[in-house]
């Protein structure tokens, strides 16, 4: 899992930023203003120039206009981040955390993402089309105009999520838990809805 060293700011409770080979003392919020640009640049540079990324803690950073396609993320933390206009096709991720992160105009098409948490995240115009998304946590996410078409979502969870104008066409949702789902304009065409949990009959498409 990601490097778990507490921020040195008194009573902060968050984890310090981390990339292999770099030691940072603080979380992003408590990184001194004079050092913040250098710290953020070092973390983004590491991610852009490394193919297999292990144990990084980039909590709170903004990722904009980047191409991360083909990269591998293992045991990383991207909690409370902002991803905007990021191309991340055919990535592979295991045991990573994206909780409370917002994604806008991003694509994760044909990716293999397992045992990853997107809890309480925000998805706006995000494409997961053609991806393997097994055993993931999407609980509490708010998604709009996004695509999970042609995805394998086996045993993932969307408990108390809000999904609007989002599609699950020709996808596997066996054992997926949608309990408490708030939905409007969600399409489940050619999808095995009877194998899912928590979908209300009159809201199925």
C-alpha atoms as a PDB file:
ATOM      1  CA  UNK A   1       0.000   0.000   0.000  1.00  0.00           C
ATOM      2  CA  UNK A   2       0.931   3.678  -0.192  1.00  0.00           C
ATOM      3  CA  UNK A   3       3.615   5.123   2.053  1.00  0.00           C
ATOM      4  CA  UNK A   4       1.975   5.748   5.439  1.00  0.00           C
ATOM      5  CA  UNK A   5       3.950   8.457   7.235  1.00  0.00           C
ATOM      6  CA  UNK A   6       1.986  11.143   9.008  1.00  0.00           C
ATOM      7  CA  UNK A   7       2.238  14.801   8.097  1.00  0.00           C
ATOM      8  CA  UNK A   8       4.573  16.513  10.552  1.00  0.00           C
ATOM      9  CA  UNK A   9       2.238  19.448  11.083  1.00  0.00           C
ATOM     10  CA  UNK A  10       0.923  19.236  14.675  1.00  0.00           C
ATOM     11  CA  UNK A  11      -2.397  17.421  14.985  1.00  0.00           C
ATOM     12  CA  UNK A  12      -2.863  17.212  11.203  1.00  0.00           C
ATOM     13  CA  UNK A  13      -3.654  13.492  11.002  1.00  0.00           C
ATOM     14  CA  UNK A  14      -3.174  13.282   7.229  1.00  0.00           C
ATOM     15  CA  UNK A  15      -0.400  11.392   5.481  1.00  0.00           C
ATOM     16  CA  UNK A  16       2.661  13.137   4.076  1.00  0.00           C
ATOM     17  CA  UNK A  17       3.114  13.253   0.316  1.00  0.00           C
ATOM     18  CA  UNK A  18       5.410  10.557  -1.037  1.00  0.00           C
ATOM     19  CA  UNK A  19       7.108   9.215  -4.151  1.00  0.00           C
ATOM     20  CA  UNK A  20       9.941   6.654  -4.043  1.00  0.00           C
ATOM     21  CA  UNK A  21      13.284   8.357  -3.548  1.00  0.00           C
ATOM     22  CA  UNK A  22      11.718  11.577  -2.258  1.00  0.00           C
ATOM     23  CA  UNK A  23      10.989  12.411   1.367  1.00  0.00           C
ATOM     24  CA  UNK A  24       8.322  15.001   2.044  1.00  0.00           C
ATOM     25  CA  UNK A  25       7.411  16.079   5.554  1.00  0.00           C
ATOM     26  CA  UNK A  26       3.890  17.364   5.029  1.00  0.00           C
ATOM     27  CA  UNK A  27       0.585  16.732   3.319  1.00  0.00           C
ATOM     28  CA  UNK A  28      -0.178  19.080   0.432  1.00  0.00           C
ATOM     29  CA  UNK A  29      -2.205  21.464   2.586  1.00  0.00           C
ATOM     30  CA  UNK A  30       0.568  21.926   5.125  1.00  0.00           C
ATOM     31  CA  UNK A  31       3.473  22.016   2.689  1.00  0.00           C
ATOM     32  CA  UNK A  32       5.019  25.488   3.089  1.00  0.00           C
ATOM     33  CA  UNK A  33       3.873  27.831   0.335  1.00  0.00           C
ATOM     34  CA  UNK A  34       7.462  28.517  -0.740  1.00  0.00           C
ATOM     35  CA  UNK A  35       8.052  24.800  -1.323  1.00  0.00           C
ATOM     36  CA  UNK A  36       4.681  23.708  -2.658  1.00  0.00           C
ATOM     37  CA  UNK A  37       5.314  24.267  -6.361  1.00  0.00           C
ATOM     38  CA  UNK A  38       8.598  22.346  -6.193  1.00  0.00           C
ATOM     39  CA  UNK A  39       7.015  19.450  -4.294  1.00  0.00           C
ATOM     40  CA  UNK A  40       4.044  19.182  -6.655  1.00  0.00           C
ATOM     41  CA  UNK A  41       6.318  19.374  -9.700  1.00  0.00           C
ATOM     42  CA  UNK A  42       8.501  16.556  -8.329  1.00  0.00           C
ATOM     43  CA  UNK A  43       5.494  14.282  -7.771  1.00  0.00           C
ATOM     44  CA  UNK A  44       3.931  14.963 -11.181  1.00  0.00           C
ATOM     45  CA  UNK A  45       7.302  14.499 -12.900  1.00  0.00           C
ATOM     46  CA  UNK A  46       7.780  11.141 -11.175  1.00  0.00           C
ATOM     47  CA  UNK A  47       4.352   9.935 -12.271  1.00  0.00           C
ATOM     48  CA  UNK A  48       4.826  11.114 -15.851  1.00  0.00           C
ATOM     49  CA  UNK A  49       8.259   9.496 -16.239  1.00  0.00           C
ATOM     50  CA  UNK A  50       7.577   6.198 -14.418  1.00  0.00           C
ATOM     51  CA  UNK A  51       5.689   3.294 -15.978  1.00  0.00           C
ATOM     52  CA  UNK A  52       5.100   1.191 -12.841  1.00  0.00           C
ATOM     53  CA  UNK A  53       4.119   3.438  -9.949  1.00  0.00           C
ATOM     54  CA  UNK A  54       4.117   1.875  -6.476  1.00  0.00           C
ATOM     55  CA  UNK A  55       3.128   3.351  -3.121  1.00  0.00           C
ATOM     56  CA  UNK A  56       2.796   6.983  -4.217  1.00  0.00           C
ATOM     57  CA  UNK A  57       0.779   9.348  -2.041  1.00  0.00           C
ATOM     58  CA  UNK A  58      -0.353  12.298  -4.171  1.00  0.00           C
ATOM     59  CA  UNK A  59      -3.339  13.290  -2.045  1.00  0.00           C
ATOM     60  CA  UNK A  60      -4.870  16.641  -2.993  1.00  0.00           C
ATOM     61  CA  UNK A  61      -2.953  17.223  -6.251  1.00  0.00           C
ATOM     62  CA  UNK A  62      -4.466  18.380  -9.526  1.00  0.00           C
ATOM     63  CA  UNK A  63      -3.870  16.364 -12.701  1.00  0.00           C
ATOM     64  CA  UNK A  64      -4.759  18.289 -15.844  1.00  0.00           C
ATOM     65  CA  UNK A  65      -4.244  17.586 -19.541  1.00  0.00           C
ATOM     66  CA  UNK A  66      -1.974  14.607 -18.870  1.00  0.00           C
ATOM     67  CA  UNK A  67      -1.574  11.331 -20.760  1.00  0.00           C
ATOM     68  CA  UNK A  68      -1.119   8.467 -18.296  1.00  0.00           C
ATOM     69  CA  UNK A  69      -2.088   5.720 -20.725  1.00  0.00           C
ATOM     70  CA  UNK A  70      -0.497   2.334 -20.206  1.00  0.00           C
ATOM     71  CA  UNK A  71       0.810   3.079 -16.707  1.00  0.00           C
ATOM     72  CA  UNK A  72       0.607   0.707 -13.743  1.00  0.00           C
ATOM     73  CA  UNK A  73      -0.510   1.917 -10.304  1.00  0.00           C
ATOM     74  CA  UNK A  74      -0.082  -0.349  -7.292  1.00  0.00           C
ATOM     75  CA  UNK A  75      -0.978   0.658  -3.741  1.00  0.00           C
ATOM     76  CA  UNK A  76      -1.210   4.375  -4.514  1.00  0.00           C
ATOM     77  CA  UNK A  77      -3.288   7.128  -2.942  1.00  0.00           C
ATOM     78  CA  UNK A  78      -4.907   9.825  -5.072  1.00  0.00           C
ATOM     79  CA  UNK A  79      -7.502  10.834  -2.507  1.00  0.00           C
ATOM     80  CA  UNK A  80      -9.053  14.322  -2.685  1.00  0.00           C
ATOM     81  CA  UNK A  81      -7.428  14.963  -6.083  1.00  0.00           C
ATOM     82  CA  UNK A  82      -8.787  16.652  -9.209  1.00  0.00           C
ATOM     83  CA  UNK A  83      -8.340  14.935 -12.570  1.00  0.00           C
ATOM     84  CA  UNK A  84      -9.316  17.097 -15.533  1.00  0.00           C
ATOM     85  CA  UNK A  85      -8.972  16.166 -19.204  1.00  0.00           C
ATOM     86  CA  UNK A  86      -6.723  13.211 -18.344  1.00  0.00           C
ATOM     87  CA  UNK A  87      -6.189  10.365 -20.809  1.00  0.00           C
ATOM     88  CA  UNK A  88      -5.526   7.163 -18.868  1.00  0.00           C
ATOM     89  CA  UNK A  89      -6.393   4.406 -21.317  1.00  0.00           C
ATOM     90  CA  UNK A  90      -5.243   0.829 -20.793  1.00  0.00           C
ATOM     91  CA  UNK A  91      -3.942   1.517 -17.299  1.00  0.00           C
ATOM     92  CA  UNK A  92      -3.648  -1.211 -14.672  1.00  0.00           C
ATOM     93  CA  UNK A  93      -4.364  -0.474 -11.016  1.00  0.00           C
ATOM     94  CA  UNK A  94      -4.512  -2.586  -7.875  1.00  0.00           C
ATOM     95  CA  UNK A  95      -5.223  -1.680  -4.220  1.00  0.00           C
ATOM     96  CA  UNK A  96      -5.236   2.068  -4.869  1.00  0.00           C
ATOM     97  CA  UNK A  97      -7.459   4.778  -3.441  1.00  0.00           C
ATOM     98  CA  UNK A  98      -9.212   7.599  -5.305  1.00  0.00           C
ATOM     99  CA  UNK A  99     -11.745   8.474  -2.591  1.00  0.00           C
ATOM    100  CA  UNK A 100     -13.280  11.972  -2.745  1.00  0.00           C
ATOM    101  CA  UNK A 101     -11.537  12.636  -6.071  1.00  0.00           C
ATOM    102  CA  UNK A 102     -13.271  14.443  -8.947  1.00  0.00           C
ATOM    103  CA  UNK A 103     -12.814  13.340 -12.553  1.00  0.00           C
ATOM    104  CA  UNK A 104     -13.909  15.622 -15.407  1.00  0.00           C
ATOM    105  CA  UNK A 105     -13.583  14.765 -19.128  1.00  0.00           C
ATOM    106  CA  UNK A 106     -11.309  11.787 -18.425  1.00  0.00           C
ATOM    107  CA  UNK A 107     -10.991   8.446 -20.177  1.00  0.00           C
ATOM    108  CA  UNK A 108     -10.011   5.099 -18.653  1.00  0.00           C
ATOM    109  CA  UNK A 109     -11.035   3.005 -21.647  1.00  0.00           C
ATOM    110  CA  UNK A 110      -9.808  -0.609 -21.883  1.00  0.00           C
ATOM    111  CA  UNK A 111      -8.265  -0.447 -18.416  1.00  0.00           C
ATOM    112  CA  UNK A 112      -7.847  -3.181 -15.809  1.00  0.00           C
ATOM    113  CA  UNK A 113      -8.748  -1.784 -12.386  1.00  0.00           C
ATOM    114  CA  UNK A 114      -9.322  -4.103  -9.425  1.00  0.00           C
ATOM    115  CA  UNK A 115      -9.641  -3.726  -5.652  1.00  0.00           C
ATOM    116  CA  UNK A 116      -9.655   0.074  -6.028  1.00  0.00           C
ATOM    117  CA  UNK A 117     -11.783   2.588  -4.119  1.00  0.00           C
ATOM    118  CA  UNK A 118     -13.471   5.582  -5.785  1.00  0.00           C
ATOM    119  CA  UNK A 119     -15.710   6.200  -2.754  1.00  0.00           C
ATOM    120  CA  UNK A 120     -17.636   9.502  -2.789  1.00  0.00           C
ATOM    121  CA  UNK A 121     -15.880  10.556  -5.985  1.00  0.00           C
ATOM    122  CA  UNK A 122     -17.360  12.690  -8.772  1.00  0.00           C
ATOM    123  CA  UNK A 123     -17.445  11.579 -12.417  1.00  0.00           C
ATOM    124  CA  UNK A 124     -18.382  14.079 -15.130  1.00  0.00           C
ATOM    125  CA  UNK A 125     -18.134  12.819 -18.711  1.00  0.00           C
ATOM    126  CA  UNK A 126     -15.820   9.949 -17.786  1.00  0.00           C
ATOM    127  CA  UNK A 127     -15.351   6.892 -20.014  1.00  0.00           C
ATOM    128  CA  UNK A 128     -14.552   3.458 -18.566  1.00  0.00           C
ATOM    129  CA  UNK A 129     -15.716   1.741 -21.764  1.00  0.00           C
ATOM    130  CA  UNK A 130     -14.337  -1.743 -22.355  1.00  0.00           C
ATOM    131  CA  UNK A 131     -12.662  -1.996 -18.942  1.00  0.00           C
ATOM    132  CA  UNK A 132     -12.254  -4.715 -16.322  1.00  0.00           C
ATOM    133  CA  UNK A 133     -13.552  -3.089 -13.106  1.00  0.00           C
ATOM    134  CA  UNK A 134     -13.877  -6.081 -10.783  1.00  0.00           C
ATOM    135  CA  UNK A 135     -14.178  -5.765  -6.977  1.00  0.00           C
ATOM    136  CA  UNK A 136     -14.122  -1.953  -6.901  1.00  0.00           C
ATOM    137  CA  UNK A 137     -15.787   0.496  -4.535  1.00  0.00           C
ATOM    138  CA  UNK A 138     -17.955   3.168  -6.180  1.00  0.00           C
ATOM    139  CA  UNK A 139     -20.080   3.763  -3.061  1.00  0.00           C
ATOM    140  CA  UNK A 140     -21.425   7.298  -2.788  1.00  0.00           C
ATOM    141  CA  UNK A 141     -20.056   8.433  -6.160  1.00  0.00           C
ATOM    142  CA  UNK A 142     -21.888  11.093  -8.148  1.00  0.00           C
ATOM    143  CA  UNK A 143     -21.652  10.293 -11.859  1.00  0.00           C
ATOM    144  CA  UNK A 144     -23.087  12.084 -14.866  1.00  0.00           C
ATOM    145  CA  UNK A 145     -22.812  11.589 -18.635  1.00  0.00           C
ATOM    146  CA  UNK A 146     -20.364   8.738 -18.128  1.00  0.00           C
ATOM    147  CA  UNK A 147     -19.932   5.306 -19.710  1.00  0.00           C
ATOM    148  CA  UNK A 148     -19.453   1.867 -18.174  1.00  0.00           C
ATOM    149  CA  UNK A 149     -20.336   0.198 -21.464  1.00  0.00           C
ATOM    150  CA  UNK A 150     -18.780  -3.194 -22.265  1.00  0.00           C
ATOM    151  CA  UNK A 151     -17.302  -3.367 -18.757  1.00  0.00           C
ATOM    152  CA  UNK A 152     -16.939  -6.255 -16.343  1.00  0.00           C
ATOM    153  CA  UNK A 153     -18.030  -4.829 -12.983  1.00  0.00           C
ATOM    154  CA  UNK A 154     -18.368  -8.138 -11.154  1.00  0.00           C
ATOM    155  CA  UNK A 155     -18.787  -7.759  -7.384  1.00  0.00           C
ATOM    156  CA  UNK A 156     -18.290  -3.980  -7.369  1.00  0.00           C
ATOM    157  CA  UNK A 157     -20.415  -1.654  -5.229  1.00  0.00           C
ATOM    158  CA  UNK A 158     -22.414   1.483  -6.060  1.00  0.00           C
ATOM    159  CA  UNK A 159     -24.203   1.724  -2.698  1.00  0.00           C
ATOM    160  CA  UNK A 160     -25.934   5.103  -2.254  1.00  0.00           C
ATOM    161  CA  UNK A 161     -24.401   6.393  -5.463  1.00  0.00           C
ATOM    162  CA  UNK A 162     -26.031   9.000  -7.681  1.00  0.00           C
ATOM    163  CA  UNK A 163     -25.894   8.229 -11.416  1.00  0.00           C
ATOM    164  CA  UNK A 164     -27.384  10.479 -14.061  1.00  0.00           C
ATOM    165  CA  UNK A 165     -27.456   9.963 -17.846  1.00  0.00           C
ATOM    166  CA  UNK A 166     -24.859   7.220 -17.463  1.00  0.00           C
ATOM    167  CA  UNK A 167     -24.771   3.948 -19.410  1.00  0.00           C
ATOM    168  CA  UNK A 168     -24.020   0.313 -18.589  1.00  0.00           C
ATOM    169  CA  UNK A 169     -24.676  -1.146 -22.035  1.00  0.00           C
ATOM    170  CA  UNK A 170     -23.596  -4.753 -22.630  1.00  0.00           C
ATOM    171  CA  UNK A 171     -21.853  -4.888 -19.253  1.00  0.00           C
ATOM    172  CA  UNK A 172     -21.504  -7.566 -16.601  1.00  0.00           C
ATOM    173  CA  UNK A 173     -23.043  -6.399 -13.318  1.00  0.00           C
ATOM    174  CA  UNK A 174     -23.306  -9.797 -11.637  1.00  0.00           C
ATOM    175  CA  UNK A 175     -23.222  -9.347  -7.841  1.00  0.00           C
ATOM    176  CA  UNK A 176     -22.889  -5.575  -8.207  1.00  0.00           C
ATOM    177  CA  UNK A 177     -24.632  -3.811  -5.307  1.00  0.00           C
ATOM    178  CA  UNK A 178     -26.742  -0.761  -6.257  1.00  0.00           C
ATOM    179  CA  UNK A 179     -28.557  -0.495  -2.904  1.00  0.00           C
ATOM    180  CA  UNK A 180     -29.853   3.038  -2.350  1.00  0.00           C
ATOM    181  CA  UNK A 181     -28.954   4.124  -5.887  1.00  0.00           C
ATOM    182  CA  UNK A 182     -30.328   7.511  -6.964  1.00  0.00           C
ATOM    183  CA  UNK A 183     -30.628   7.408 -10.730  1.00  0.00           C
ATOM    184  CA  UNK A 184     -32.024   9.346 -13.641  1.00  0.00           C
ATOM    185  CA  UNK A 185     -31.522   8.425 -17.272  1.00  0.00           C
ATOM    186  CA  UNK A 186     -29.319   5.407 -16.520  1.00  0.00           C
ATOM    187  CA  UNK A 187     -29.286   2.780 -19.282  1.00  0.00           C
ATOM    188  CA  UNK A 188     -28.735  -0.936 -18.584  1.00  0.00           C
ATOM    189  CA  UNK A 189     -29.436  -2.218 -22.104  1.00  0.00           C
ATOM    190  CA  UNK A 190     -28.170  -5.770 -22.810  1.00  0.00           C
ATOM    191  CA  UNK A 191     -26.883  -5.993 -19.233  1.00  0.00           C
ATOM    192  CA  UNK A 192     -27.600  -8.794 -16.743  1.00  0.00           C
ATOM    193  CA  UNK A 193     -29.621  -6.670 -14.307  1.00  0.00           C
ATOM    194  CA  UNK A 194     -31.172  -9.736 -12.635  1.00  0.00           C
ATOM    195  CA  UNK A 195     -27.757 -10.655 -11.271  1.00  0.00           C
ATOM    196  CA  UNK A 196     -27.308  -7.308  -9.524  1.00  0.00           C
ATOM    197  CA  UNK A 197     -28.474  -6.282  -6.050  1.00  0.00           C
ATOM    198  CA  UNK A 198     -30.544  -3.271  -5.078  1.00  0.00           C
ATOM    199  CA  UNK A 199     -31.828  -2.184  -8.495  1.00  0.00           C
ATOM    200  CA  UNK A 200     -35.456  -1.082  -8.235  1.00  0.00           C
ATOM    201  CA  UNK A 201     -37.574  -2.813 -10.896  1.00  0.00           C
ATOM    202  CA  UNK A 202     -39.292   0.264 -12.300  1.00  0.00           C
ATOM    203  CA  UNK A 203     -35.966   2.084 -12.696  1.00  0.00           C
ATOM    204  CA  UNK A 204     -34.285  -0.612 -14.738  1.00  0.00           C
ATOM    205  CA  UNK A 205     -33.533   0.140 -18.394  1.00  0.00           C
END
